[in-house]
Amino acid sequence: MDTYQTISNSSTGLYKDKGSKFIALAKPVANEEDISRILDDIKKEYHDARHHCYAWVLGYQQEHYKVNDDGEPSGTAGRPIHGQILSAGLTNIIIVVVRYFGGTKLGVRGLINAYKGAANEAIQNNTIITKSIRKHYRLHFDYLAMNDVMQILKEFDLPQKAHDFDLKCKLDFSVRLSKSKEVIGKLEKVNDIQIEFLFTR
């Protein structure tokens, strides 16, 4: 398996109970910088909300995640949101649920249902897409090896991210996980080349 599922765009969900309003905002993310920026933006936009609870997941194996109850009783907000993300089999996603308090306490079960329900609706209102897991590399090589390098990239139809062609050349590219060993094996046969692994995403 070298694919993962995520959402294609931003979406919202809404849950109401006893005057309280829970607005879920789901967004695709690529890294923690995206997450920080989104959290800042949402807290500014919904500055008058009582709580800004969230969960996010990163990594094709869903290995990086964080949950936050933002003042709600422990386990009643972030974890239910996280649970909905995992149930849908998603990664590279953040869901923030902002709560406007309606004056009546909902209790532990009521809160769990509310955060779970709002997060689920935001997911349902989105489009789930499948992406391939890719390994990202940086190549360092002499200008004389240019043709050999470019031929391999062309053979496997590999996208270039950035390049600097001089006497000493530098080039970033990504390759699908299932093809990475074959591609790297061919590149290693090129004279005077250094292959630097960057990340998998």
C-alpha atoms as a PDB file:
ATOM      1  CA  MET A   1       0.000   0.000   0.000  1.00  0.00           C
ATOM      2  CA  ASP A   2       1.498   3.337  -0.991  1.00  0.00           C
ATOM      3  CA  THR A   3      -1.576   5.529  -0.854  1.00  0.00           C
ATOM      4  CA  TYR A   4      -3.432   7.465   1.831  1.00  0.00           C
ATOM      5  CA  GLN A   5      -6.725   9.294   2.098  1.00  0.00           C
ATOM      6  CA  THR A   6      -7.301  12.927   2.961  1.00  0.00           C
ATOM      7  CA  ILE A   7      -9.845  15.665   2.287  1.00  0.00           C
ATOM      8  CA  SER A   8      -9.707  17.772  -0.859  1.00  0.00           C
ATOM      9  CA  ASN A   9     -10.730  21.161   0.529  1.00  0.00           C
ATOM     10  CA  SER A  10     -12.217  23.061   3.473  1.00  0.00           C
ATOM     11  CA  SER A  11     -15.643  22.144   4.833  1.00  0.00           C
ATOM     12  CA  THR A  12     -17.862  22.831   7.832  1.00  0.00           C
ATOM     13  CA  GLY A  13     -20.246  20.955  10.085  1.00  0.00           C
ATOM     14  CA  LEU A  14     -22.806  22.155  12.611  1.00  0.00           C
ATOM     15  CA  TYR A  15     -24.257  20.575  15.756  1.00  0.00           C
ATOM     16  CA  LYS A  16     -26.727  22.234  18.130  1.00  0.00           C
ATOM     17  CA  ASP A  17     -27.864  21.130  21.568  1.00  0.00           C
ATOM     18  CA  LYS A  18     -29.661  23.064  24.361  1.00  0.00           C
ATOM     19  CA  GLY A  19     -28.677  26.437  22.935  1.00  0.00           C
ATOM     20  CA  SER A  20     -25.012  25.577  22.434  1.00  0.00           C
ATOM     21  CA  LYS A  21     -23.702  25.734  18.897  1.00  0.00           C
ATOM     22  CA  PHE A  22     -20.726  23.660  17.709  1.00  0.00           C
ATOM     23  CA  ILE A  23     -19.173  24.693  14.390  1.00  0.00           C
ATOM     24  CA  ALA A  24     -16.640  22.252  12.926  1.00  0.00           C
ATOM     25  CA  LEU A  25     -14.059  23.423  10.400  1.00  0.00           C
ATOM     26  CA  ALA A  26     -12.132  20.718   8.519  1.00  0.00           C
ATOM     27  CA  LYS A  27      -9.072  21.606   6.442  1.00  0.00           C
ATOM     28  CA  PRO A  28      -6.339  19.661   4.630  1.00  0.00           C
ATOM     29  CA  VAL A  29      -2.801  20.267   5.947  1.00  0.00           C
ATOM     30  CA  ALA A  30       0.694  19.242   4.904  1.00  0.00           C
ATOM     31  CA  ASN A  31       2.724  20.115   8.014  1.00  0.00           C
ATOM     32  CA  GLU A  32       2.647  21.707  11.460  1.00  0.00           C
ATOM     33  CA  GLU A  33       3.251  25.165   9.983  1.00  0.00           C
ATOM     34  CA  ASP A  34      -0.078  24.854   8.142  1.00  0.00           C
ATOM     35  CA  ILE A  35      -1.720  23.786  11.391  1.00  0.00           C
ATOM     36  CA  SER A  36      -0.368  26.744  13.397  1.00  0.00           C
ATOM     37  CA  ARG A  37      -1.510  29.213  10.756  1.00  0.00           C
ATOM     38  CA  ILE A  38      -5.009  27.683  10.544  1.00  0.00           C
ATOM     39  CA  LEU A  39      -5.431  27.671  14.323  1.00  0.00           C
ATOM     40  CA  ASP A  40      -4.397  31.321  14.536  1.00  0.00           C
ATOM     41  CA  ASP A  41      -6.809  32.297  11.758  1.00  0.00           C
ATOM     42  CA  ILE A  42      -9.742  30.425  13.278  1.00  0.00           C
ATOM     43  CA  LYS A  43      -9.144  31.854  16.766  1.00  0.00           C
ATOM     44  CA  LYS A  44      -9.145  35.349  15.269  1.00  0.00           C
ATOM     45  CA  GLU A  45     -12.264  34.752  13.177  1.00  0.00           C
ATOM     46  CA  TYR A  46     -14.183  33.080  16.033  1.00  0.00           C
ATOM     47  CA  HIS A  47     -12.655  35.176  18.825  1.00  0.00           C
ATOM     48  CA  ASP A  48     -15.978  35.346  20.664  1.00  0.00           C
ATOM     49  CA  ALA A  49     -16.413  31.557  20.929  1.00  0.00           C
ATOM     50  CA  ARG A  50     -16.089  29.911  24.358  1.00  0.00           C
ATOM     51  CA  HIS A  51     -13.880  27.018  23.174  1.00  0.00           C
ATOM     52  CA  HIS A  52     -11.688  26.192  20.158  1.00  0.00           C
ATOM     53  CA  CYS A  53     -11.188  22.424  20.407  1.00  0.00           C
ATOM     54  CA  TYR A  54      -9.335  20.445  17.779  1.00  0.00           C
ATOM     55  CA  ALA A  55      -7.554  17.344  16.579  1.00  0.00           C
ATOM     56  CA  TRP A  56      -5.068  16.950  13.763  1.00  0.00           C
ATOM     57  CA  VAL A  57      -3.363  14.002  12.099  1.00  0.00           C
ATOM     58  CA  LEU A  58      -0.252  13.983   9.904  1.00  0.00           C
ATOM     59  CA  GLY A  59       1.716  11.196   8.213  1.00  0.00           C
ATOM     60  CA  TYR A  60       0.606   8.455   5.858  1.00  0.00           C
ATOM     61  CA  GLN A  61       0.481   6.016   8.790  1.00  0.00           C
ATOM     62  CA  GLN A  62      -1.468   8.542  10.901  1.00  0.00           C
ATOM     63  CA  GLU A  63       1.554   8.529  13.218  1.00  0.00           C
ATOM     64  CA  HIS A  64       1.627  12.219  14.159  1.00  0.00           C
ATOM     65  CA  TYR A  65      -1.399  13.685  15.904  1.00  0.00           C
ATOM     66  CA  LYS A  66      -2.556  16.011  18.639  1.00  0.00           C
ATOM     67  CA  VAL A  67      -5.844  16.552  20.466  1.00  0.00           C
ATOM     68  CA  ASN A  68      -6.875  19.616  22.467  1.00  0.00           C
ATOM     69  CA  ASP A  69      -9.925  20.086  24.710  1.00  0.00           C
ATOM     70  CA  ASP A  70      -9.342  23.842  25.204  1.00  0.00           C
ATOM     71  CA  GLY A  71     -10.965  23.991  28.620  1.00  0.00           C
ATOM     72  CA  GLU A  72     -13.688  21.392  28.098  1.00  0.00           C
ATOM     73  CA  PRO A  73     -13.633  18.399  30.486  1.00  0.00           C
ATOM     74  CA  SER A  74     -10.730  16.083  29.632  1.00  0.00           C
ATOM     75  CA  GLY A  75     -11.503  13.650  26.826  1.00  0.00           C
ATOM     76  CA  THR A  76     -14.821  15.225  25.803  1.00  0.00           C
ATOM     77  CA  ALA A  77     -13.700  17.253  22.754  1.00  0.00           C
ATOM     78  CA  GLY A  78     -10.298  16.553  21.157  1.00  0.00           C
ATOM     79  CA  ARG A  79     -10.543  12.775  21.391  1.00  0.00           C
ATOM     80  CA  PRO A  80     -14.033  12.501  19.851  1.00  0.00           C
ATOM     81  CA  ILE A  81     -12.858  14.728  16.975  1.00  0.00           C
ATOM     82  CA  HIS A  82      -9.728  12.575  16.563  1.00  0.00           C
ATOM     83  CA  GLY A  83     -11.884   9.458  16.629  1.00  0.00           C
ATOM     84  CA  GLN A  84     -13.934  10.700  13.676  1.00  0.00           C
ATOM     85  CA  ILE A  85     -10.755  11.364  11.672  1.00  0.00           C
ATOM     86  CA  LEU A  86      -9.491   7.838  12.372  1.00  0.00           C
ATOM     87  CA  SER A  87     -12.884   6.251  11.659  1.00  0.00           C
ATOM     88  CA  ALA A  88     -12.881   7.897   8.215  1.00  0.00           C
ATOM     89  CA  GLY A  89      -9.317   6.654   7.602  1.00  0.00           C
ATOM     90  CA  LEU A  90      -7.978  10.154   7.012  1.00  0.00           C
ATOM     91  CA  THR A  91      -4.650  11.886   7.512  1.00  0.00           C
ATOM     92  CA  ASN A  92      -3.089  15.291   6.759  1.00  0.00           C
ATOM     93  CA  ILE A  93      -6.175  16.940   8.208  1.00  0.00           C
ATOM     94  CA  ILE A  94      -7.175  19.264  11.036  1.00  0.00           C
ATOM     95  CA  ILE A  95     -10.665  19.678  12.417  1.00  0.00           C
ATOM     96  CA  VAL A  96     -11.355  22.578  14.756  1.00  0.00           C
ATOM     97  CA  VAL A  97     -14.719  22.720  16.533  1.00  0.00           C
ATOM     98  CA  VAL A  98     -15.628  26.102  18.003  1.00  0.00           C
ATOM     99  CA  ARG A  99     -18.322  26.199  20.669  1.00  0.00           C
ATOM    100  CA  TYR A 100     -20.716  28.970  21.500  1.00  0.00           C
ATOM    101  CA  PHE A 101     -22.107  28.203  24.962  1.00  0.00           C
ATOM    102  CA  GLY A 102     -25.871  28.268  25.219  1.00  0.00           C
ATOM    103  CA  GLY A 103     -26.155  28.540  28.996  1.00  0.00           C
ATOM    104  CA  THR A 104     -26.967  24.896  29.760  1.00  0.00           C
ATOM    105  CA  LYS A 105     -24.299  22.311  30.608  1.00  0.00           C
ATOM    106  CA  LEU A 106     -24.480  19.220  28.406  1.00  0.00           C
ATOM    107  CA  GLY A 107     -22.576  16.762  30.597  1.00  0.00           C
ATOM    108  CA  VAL A 108     -19.781  14.451  29.489  1.00  0.00           C
ATOM    109  CA  ARG A 109     -21.911  12.316  27.159  1.00  0.00           C
ATOM    110  CA  GLY A 110     -23.581  15.361  25.648  1.00  0.00           C
ATOM    111  CA  LEU A 111     -20.252  17.029  24.929  1.00  0.00           C
ATOM    112  CA  ILE A 112     -18.777  13.888  23.356  1.00  0.00           C
ATOM    113  CA  ASN A 113     -21.826  13.552  21.096  1.00  0.00           C
ATOM    114  CA  ALA A 114     -21.654  17.222  20.121  1.00  0.00           C
ATOM    115  CA  TYR A 115     -17.964  17.308  19.172  1.00  0.00           C
ATOM    116  CA  LYS A 116     -18.236  13.926  17.478  1.00  0.00           C
ATOM    117  CA  GLY A 117     -21.353  14.974  15.554  1.00  0.00           C
ATOM    118  CA  ALA A 118     -19.943  18.306  14.370  1.00  0.00           C
ATOM    119  CA  ALA A 119     -16.657  16.712  13.240  1.00  0.00           C
ATOM    120  CA  ASN A 120     -18.471  13.915  11.424  1.00  0.00           C
ATOM    121  CA  GLU A 121     -20.672  16.372   9.523  1.00  0.00           C
ATOM    122  CA  ALA A 122     -17.623  18.383   8.420  1.00  0.00           C
ATOM    123  CA  ILE A 123     -16.073  15.193   7.021  1.00  0.00           C
ATOM    124  CA  GLN A 124     -19.326  14.181   5.318  1.00  0.00           C
ATOM    125  CA  ASN A 125     -19.533  17.626   3.692  1.00  0.00           C
ATOM    126  CA  ASN A 126     -16.085  17.212   2.142  1.00  0.00           C
ATOM    127  CA  THR A 127     -14.663  15.105  -0.683  1.00  0.00           C
ATOM    128  CA  ILE A 128     -12.257  12.336   0.309  1.00  0.00           C
ATOM    129  CA  ILE A 129      -9.391  11.843  -2.119  1.00  0.00           C
ATOM    130  CA  THR A 130      -6.643   9.245  -2.433  1.00  0.00           C
ATOM    131  CA  LYS A 131      -3.035  10.401  -2.765  1.00  0.00           C
ATOM    132  CA  SER A 132       0.123   8.425  -3.387  1.00  0.00           C
ATOM    133  CA  ILE A 133       2.855   8.324  -0.749  1.00  0.00           C
ATOM    134  CA  ARG A 134       6.007   9.857  -2.172  1.00  0.00           C
ATOM    135  CA  LYS A 135       9.637   9.933  -1.097  1.00  0.00           C
ATOM    136  CA  HIS A 136      11.393  13.243  -1.631  1.00  0.00           C
ATOM    137  CA  TYR A 137      15.100  13.461  -2.466  1.00  0.00           C
ATOM    138  CA  ARG A 138      17.783  16.017  -3.320  1.00  0.00           C
ATOM    139  CA  LEU A 139      20.451  15.131  -5.870  1.00  0.00           C
ATOM    140  CA  HIS A 140      23.945  16.641  -5.980  1.00  0.00           C
ATOM    141  CA  PHE A 141      25.950  15.899  -9.140  1.00  0.00           C
ATOM    142  CA  ASP A 142      28.470  17.276 -11.635  1.00  0.00           C
ATOM    143  CA  TYR A 143      27.197  19.057 -14.717  1.00  0.00           C
ATOM    144  CA  LEU A 144      28.683  16.265 -16.861  1.00  0.00           C
ATOM    145  CA  ALA A 145      26.210  13.813 -15.298  1.00  0.00           C
ATOM    146  CA  MET A 146      23.210  15.964 -16.255  1.00  0.00           C
ATOM    147  CA  ASN A 147      22.070  13.854 -19.209  1.00  0.00           C
ATOM    148  CA  ASP A 148      22.203  10.603 -17.237  1.00  0.00           C
ATOM    149  CA  VAL A 149      20.204  12.110 -14.368  1.00  0.00           C
ATOM    150  CA  MET A 150      17.573  13.717 -16.576  1.00  0.00           C
ATOM    151  CA  GLN A 151      17.142  10.522 -18.590  1.00  0.00           C
ATOM    152  CA  ILE A 152      16.251   8.577 -15.437  1.00  0.00           C
ATOM    153  CA  LEU A 153      13.830  11.269 -14.251  1.00  0.00           C
ATOM    154  CA  LYS A 154      12.181  11.290 -17.674  1.00  0.00           C
ATOM    155  CA  GLU A 155      11.977   7.483 -17.828  1.00  0.00           C
ATOM    156  CA  PHE A 156       9.954   7.391 -14.605  1.00  0.00           C
ATOM    157  CA  ASP A 157       8.127  10.669 -15.259  1.00  0.00           C
ATOM    158  CA  LEU A 158       9.365  12.157 -11.978  1.00  0.00           C
ATOM    159  CA  PRO A 159       8.395  15.748 -11.115  1.00  0.00           C
ATOM    160  CA  GLN A 160      11.193  18.172 -10.249  1.00  0.00           C
ATOM    161  CA  LYS A 161      10.613  20.524  -7.343  1.00  0.00           C
ATOM    162  CA  ALA A 162      13.603  22.845  -7.592  1.00  0.00           C
ATOM    163  CA  HIS A 163      16.911  22.830  -9.360  1.00  0.00           C
ATOM    164  CA  ASP A 164      20.182  24.705  -9.585  1.00  0.00           C
ATOM    165  CA  PHE A 165      22.247  23.853 -12.654  1.00  0.00           C
ATOM    166  CA  ASP A 166      25.867  25.007 -12.534  1.00  0.00           C
ATOM    167  CA  LEU A 167      29.218  23.211 -12.519  1.00  0.00           C
ATOM    168  CA  LYS A 168      27.880  21.537  -9.393  1.00  0.00           C
ATOM    169  CA  CYS A 169      24.182  20.807  -9.850  1.00  0.00           C
ATOM    170  CA  LYS A 170      21.384  20.378  -7.323  1.00  0.00           C
ATOM    171  CA  LEU A 171      17.905  19.029  -8.002  1.00  0.00           C
ATOM    172  CA  ASP A 172      14.916  18.053  -5.838  1.00  0.00           C
ATOM    173  CA  PHE A 173      12.446  15.417  -6.965  1.00  0.00           C
ATOM    174  CA  SER A 174       9.834  13.040  -5.580  1.00  0.00           C
ATOM    175  CA  VAL A 175       9.012   9.442  -6.442  1.00  0.00           C
ATOM    176  CA  ARG A 176       6.112   7.183  -5.524  1.00  0.00           C
ATOM    177  CA  LEU A 177       7.020   4.897  -2.598  1.00  0.00           C
ATOM    178  CA  SER A 178       6.525   1.691  -4.582  1.00  0.00           C
ATOM    179  CA  LYS A 179       8.980   2.888  -7.270  1.00  0.00           C
ATOM    180  CA  SER A 180      11.576   4.489  -4.985  1.00  0.00           C
ATOM    181  CA  LYS A 181      13.987   1.521  -4.688  1.00  0.00           C
ATOM    182  CA  GLU A 182      14.102   1.032  -8.453  1.00  0.00           C
ATOM    183  CA  VAL A 183      14.706   4.720  -9.147  1.00  0.00           C
ATOM    184  CA  ILE A 184      17.368   5.134  -6.456  1.00  0.00           C
ATOM    185  CA  GLY A 185      19.084   1.959  -7.684  1.00  0.00           C
ATOM    186  CA  LYS A 186      19.447   3.491 -11.157  1.00  0.00           C
ATOM    187  CA  LEU A 187      20.561   6.867  -9.859  1.00  0.00           C
ATOM    188  CA  GLU A 188      23.256   5.264  -7.686  1.00  0.00           C
ATOM    189  CA  LYS A 189      24.925   3.978 -10.883  1.00  0.00           C
ATOM    190  CA  VAL A 190      25.499   7.545 -12.115  1.00  0.00           C
ATOM    191  CA  ASN A 191      29.085   8.717 -11.550  1.00  0.00           C
ATOM    192  CA  ASP A 192      29.770  11.353  -8.893  1.00  0.00           C
ATOM    193  CA  ILE A 193      26.212  11.664  -7.608  1.00  0.00           C
ATOM    194  CA  GLN A 194      25.055  12.188  -4.025  1.00  0.00           C
ATOM    195  CA  ILE A 195      21.494  11.259  -3.116  1.00  0.00           C
ATOM    196  CA  GLU A 196      20.078  13.034  -0.085  1.00  0.00           C
ATOM    197  CA  PHE A 197      16.800  11.732   1.382  1.00  0.00           C
ATOM    198  CA  LEU A 198      14.539  14.600   2.517  1.00  0.00           C
ATOM    199  CA  PHE A 199      11.212  13.186   3.735  1.00  0.00           C
ATOM    200  CA  THR A 200       8.302  10.879   2.958  1.00  0.00           C
ATOM    201  CA  ARG A 201       4.859  12.378   2.438  1.00  0.00           C
END
